[in-house]
Amino acid sequence: MGKKKPSMTKTIKDIFKAKTQVTLSDLYKTLSENPDITKTVNQNVLKHRIRSCIYSLSQSNVIERTADATYKIKK
């Protein structure tokens, strides 16, 4: 069997751990440059999935919104 790819949520969490604050634009740019993601998801679906993951992480109290389209990990 091949190597299992990390989930989109895990990838986004890793990005948050690397930076103190992340904007949606940062996430769009970083994930759209990831070949594992872009070969399976088109650009419009990718943006929707990113926003969906952000919403899920926010509802789980993992991240919090600090400004328009800007988020950080909750302490």
N, C-alpha and C. Protein backbone atom coordinates (compact mmCIF):
# COMPACT_ATOMS: atom_id res chain seq x y z
N MET A 1 0.83 -1.19 0.00
CA MET A 1 0.00 0.00 0.00
C MET A 1 0.87 1.25 0.00
N GLY A 2 0.33 2.30 -0.60
CA GLY A 2 1.06 3.56 -0.66
C GLY A 2 0.99 4.32 0.64
N LYS A 3 1.78 5.35 0.71
CA LYS A 3 1.82 6.20 1.89
C LYS A 3 0.53 7.02 1.98
N LYS A 4 -0.07 7.07 3.16
CA LYS A 4 -1.31 7.81 3.35
C LYS A 4 -1.02 9.31 3.38
N LYS A 5 -1.80 10.07 2.62
CA LYS A 5 -1.63 11.52 2.58
C LYS A 5 -2.30 12.15 3.77
N PRO A 6 -1.72 13.23 4.33
CA PRO A 6 -2.37 13.90 5.46
C PRO A 6 -3.67 14.56 5.02
N SER A 7 -4.62 14.62 5.92
CA SER A 7 -5.91 15.25 5.61
C SER A 7 -5.72 16.75 5.45
N MET A 8 -6.68 17.37 4.82
CA MET A 8 -6.65 18.82 4.64
C MET A 8 -6.64 19.51 6.00
N THR A 9 -7.44 19.01 6.94
CA THR A 9 -7.50 19.61 8.28
C THR A 9 -6.14 19.52 8.97
N LYS A 10 -5.49 18.39 8.88
CA LYS A 10 -4.16 18.22 9.50
C LYS A 10 -3.16 19.19 8.86
N THR A 11 -3.22 19.30 7.55
CA THR A 11 -2.32 20.22 6.84
C THR A 11 -2.55 21.66 7.29
N ILE A 12 -3.81 22.05 7.44
CA ILE A 12 -4.13 23.41 7.89
C ILE A 12 -3.67 23.62 9.33
N LYS A 13 -3.86 22.62 10.19
CA LYS A 13 -3.38 22.73 11.58
C LYS A 13 -1.87 22.92 11.61
N ASP A 14 -1.15 22.21 10.75
CA ASP A 14 0.30 22.34 10.69
C ASP A 14 0.71 23.76 10.27
N ILE A 15 -0.04 24.34 9.36
CA ILE A 15 0.24 25.72 8.93
C ILE A 15 0.03 26.67 10.11
N PHE A 16 -1.03 26.46 10.88
CA PHE A 16 -1.28 27.30 12.06
C PHE A 16 -0.18 27.15 13.10
N LYS A 17 0.35 25.96 13.25
CA LYS A 17 1.42 25.75 14.23
C LYS A 17 2.70 26.46 13.81
N ALA A 18 2.89 26.63 12.51
CA ALA A 18 4.10 27.28 12.01
C ALA A 18 4.03 28.81 12.09
N LYS A 19 2.83 29.36 12.10
CA LYS A 19 2.65 30.82 12.15
C LYS A 19 1.73 31.19 13.30
N THR A 20 1.85 32.41 13.80
CA THR A 20 0.97 32.83 14.87
C THR A 20 -0.41 33.19 14.35
N GLN A 21 -0.46 33.88 13.22
CA GLN A 21 -1.74 34.22 12.60
C GLN A 21 -1.70 33.83 11.14
N VAL A 22 -2.85 33.40 10.64
CA VAL A 22 -2.94 32.97 9.24
C VAL A 22 -4.18 33.61 8.62
N THR A 23 -4.02 34.13 7.42
CA THR A 23 -5.16 34.67 6.69
C THR A 23 -5.67 33.62 5.70
N LEU A 24 -6.89 33.79 5.27
CA LEU A 24 -7.43 32.88 4.26
C LEU A 24 -6.59 32.94 2.99
N SER A 25 -6.13 34.12 2.63
CA SER A 25 -5.28 34.27 1.44
C SER A 25 -4.01 33.43 1.56
N ASP A 26 -3.40 33.45 2.76
CA ASP A 26 -2.20 32.62 3.00
C ASP A 26 -2.52 31.15 2.79
N LEU A 27 -3.65 30.71 3.34
CA LEU A 27 -4.04 29.30 3.19
C LEU A 27 -4.32 28.95 1.74
N TYR A 28 -5.05 29.81 1.04
CA TYR A 28 -5.34 29.57 -0.37
C TYR A 28 -4.04 29.42 -1.16
N LYS A 29 -3.11 30.34 -0.93
CA LYS A 29 -1.85 30.32 -1.68
C LYS A 29 -1.02 29.08 -1.34
N THR A 30 -0.85 28.81 -0.06
CA THR A 30 -0.03 27.67 0.37
C THR A 30 -0.60 26.35 -0.12
N LEU A 31 -1.89 26.15 0.05
CA LEU A 31 -2.49 24.87 -0.33
C LEU A 31 -2.65 24.72 -1.84
N SER A 32 -2.81 25.82 -2.56
CA SER A 32 -2.92 25.72 -4.01
C SER A 32 -1.57 25.38 -4.65
N GLU A 33 -0.49 25.58 -3.91
CA GLU A 33 0.84 25.22 -4.40
C GLU A 33 1.24 23.79 -4.02
N ASN A 34 0.40 23.11 -3.24
CA ASN A 34 0.67 21.74 -2.81
C ASN A 34 0.21 20.77 -3.90
N PRO A 35 1.14 20.05 -4.55
CA PRO A 35 0.76 19.17 -5.66
C PRO A 35 -0.15 18.00 -5.25
N ASP A 36 -0.02 17.52 -4.03
CA ASP A 36 -0.89 16.42 -3.57
C ASP A 36 -2.35 16.86 -3.53
N ILE A 37 -2.57 18.11 -3.21
CA ILE A 37 -3.94 18.63 -3.10
C ILE A 37 -4.47 19.06 -4.46
N THR A 38 -3.67 19.78 -5.23
CA THR A 38 -4.16 20.36 -6.48
C THR A 38 -4.43 19.31 -7.56
N LYS A 39 -3.81 18.15 -7.48
CA LYS A 39 -4.10 17.15 -8.51
C LYS A 39 -5.42 16.42 -8.26
N THR A 40 -5.98 16.57 -7.05
CA THR A 40 -7.25 15.91 -6.76
C THR A 40 -8.42 16.88 -6.61
N VAL A 41 -8.14 18.17 -6.43
CA VAL A 41 -9.20 19.15 -6.16
C VAL A 41 -8.98 20.38 -7.05
N ASN A 42 -10.06 20.84 -7.71
CA ASN A 42 -9.90 22.06 -8.51
C ASN A 42 -9.95 23.29 -7.60
N GLN A 43 -9.61 24.44 -8.15
CA GLN A 43 -9.41 25.66 -7.36
C GLN A 43 -10.66 26.10 -6.59
N ASN A 44 -11.84 26.05 -7.22
CA ASN A 44 -13.06 26.49 -6.53
C ASN A 44 -13.42 25.55 -5.39
N VAL A 45 -13.27 24.26 -5.60
CA VAL A 45 -13.56 23.29 -4.54
C VAL A 45 -12.54 23.42 -3.42
N LEU A 46 -11.30 23.71 -3.76
CA LEU A 46 -10.24 23.88 -2.76
C LEU A 46 -10.59 25.02 -1.80
N LYS A 47 -11.02 26.14 -2.32
CA LYS A 47 -11.37 27.28 -1.47
C LYS A 47 -12.53 26.92 -0.54
N HIS A 48 -13.50 26.21 -1.06
CA HIS A 48 -14.63 25.78 -0.23
C HIS A 48 -14.16 24.84 0.88
N ARG A 49 -13.30 23.90 0.56
CA ARG A 49 -12.80 22.96 1.57
C ARG A 49 -11.96 23.65 2.63
N ILE A 50 -11.19 24.63 2.23
CA ILE A 50 -10.40 25.39 3.20
C ILE A 50 -11.33 26.12 4.17
N ARG A 51 -12.33 26.81 3.63
CA ARG A 51 -13.29 27.52 4.50
C ARG A 51 -14.04 26.55 5.39
N SER A 52 -14.37 25.39 4.87
CA SER A 52 -15.06 24.37 5.66
C SER A 52 -14.18 23.87 6.81
N CYS A 53 -12.91 23.65 6.54
CA CYS A 53 -11.98 23.22 7.59
C CYS A 53 -11.81 24.30 8.65
N ILE A 54 -11.72 25.55 8.20
CA ILE A 54 -11.60 26.68 9.14
C ILE A 54 -12.83 26.74 10.03
N TYR A 55 -14.00 26.59 9.45
CA TYR A 55 -15.24 26.61 10.23
C TYR A 55 -15.25 25.47 11.24
N SER A 56 -14.86 24.30 10.81
CA SER A 56 -14.83 23.13 11.70
C SER A 56 -13.85 23.33 12.85
N LEU A 57 -12.67 23.82 12.55
CA LEU A 57 -11.67 24.08 13.60
C LEU A 57 -12.15 25.17 14.55
N SER A 58 -12.84 26.15 14.03
CA SER A 58 -13.38 27.22 14.85
C SER A 58 -14.47 26.69 15.79
N GLN A 59 -15.36 25.86 15.27
CA GLN A 59 -16.43 25.28 16.08
C GLN A 59 -15.88 24.33 17.14
N SER A 60 -14.72 23.74 16.88
CA SER A 60 -14.09 22.82 17.83
C SER A 60 -13.21 23.55 18.84
N ASN A 61 -13.21 24.88 18.78
CA ASN A 61 -12.39 25.72 19.67
C ASN A 61 -10.90 25.47 19.53
N VAL A 62 -10.47 25.12 18.34
CA VAL A 62 -9.04 24.93 18.07
C VAL A 62 -8.43 26.26 17.62
N ILE A 63 -9.17 27.00 16.81
CA ILE A 63 -8.71 28.30 16.34
C ILE A 63 -9.77 29.35 16.65
N GLU A 64 -9.35 30.62 16.56
CA GLU A 64 -10.29 31.72 16.76
C GLU A 64 -10.03 32.80 15.73
N ARG A 65 -11.08 33.51 15.39
CA ARG A 65 -10.99 34.60 14.42
C ARG A 65 -10.48 35.84 15.14
N THR A 66 -9.47 36.48 14.56
CA THR A 66 -8.91 37.68 15.18
C THR A 66 -9.25 38.94 14.39
N ALA A 67 -9.55 38.79 13.12
CA ALA A 67 -9.94 39.91 12.25
C ALA A 67 -10.61 39.32 11.02
N ASP A 68 -11.01 40.16 10.10
CA ASP A 68 -11.61 39.66 8.86
C ASP A 68 -10.65 38.70 8.17
N ALA A 69 -11.09 37.47 7.96
CA ALA A 69 -10.33 36.44 7.24
C ALA A 69 -8.97 36.14 7.88
N THR A 70 -8.84 36.39 9.18
CA THR A 70 -7.59 36.13 9.90
C THR A 70 -7.88 35.30 11.14
N TYR A 71 -7.08 34.26 11.34
CA TYR A 71 -7.32 33.32 12.43
C TYR A 71 -6.01 32.99 13.13
N LYS A 72 -6.12 32.53 14.38
CA LYS A 72 -4.97 32.05 15.13
C LYS A 72 -5.38 30.87 16.00
N ILE A 73 -4.40 30.10 16.45
CA ILE A 73 -4.69 28.97 17.32
C ILE A 73 -5.12 29.50 18.68
N LYS A 74 -6.16 28.91 19.21
CA LYS A 74 -6.65 29.29 20.54
C LYS A 74 -5.72 28.74 21.60
N LYS A 75 -5.49 29.49 22.64
CA LYS A 75 -4.60 29.03 23.71
C LYS A 75 -5.36 28.38 24.82
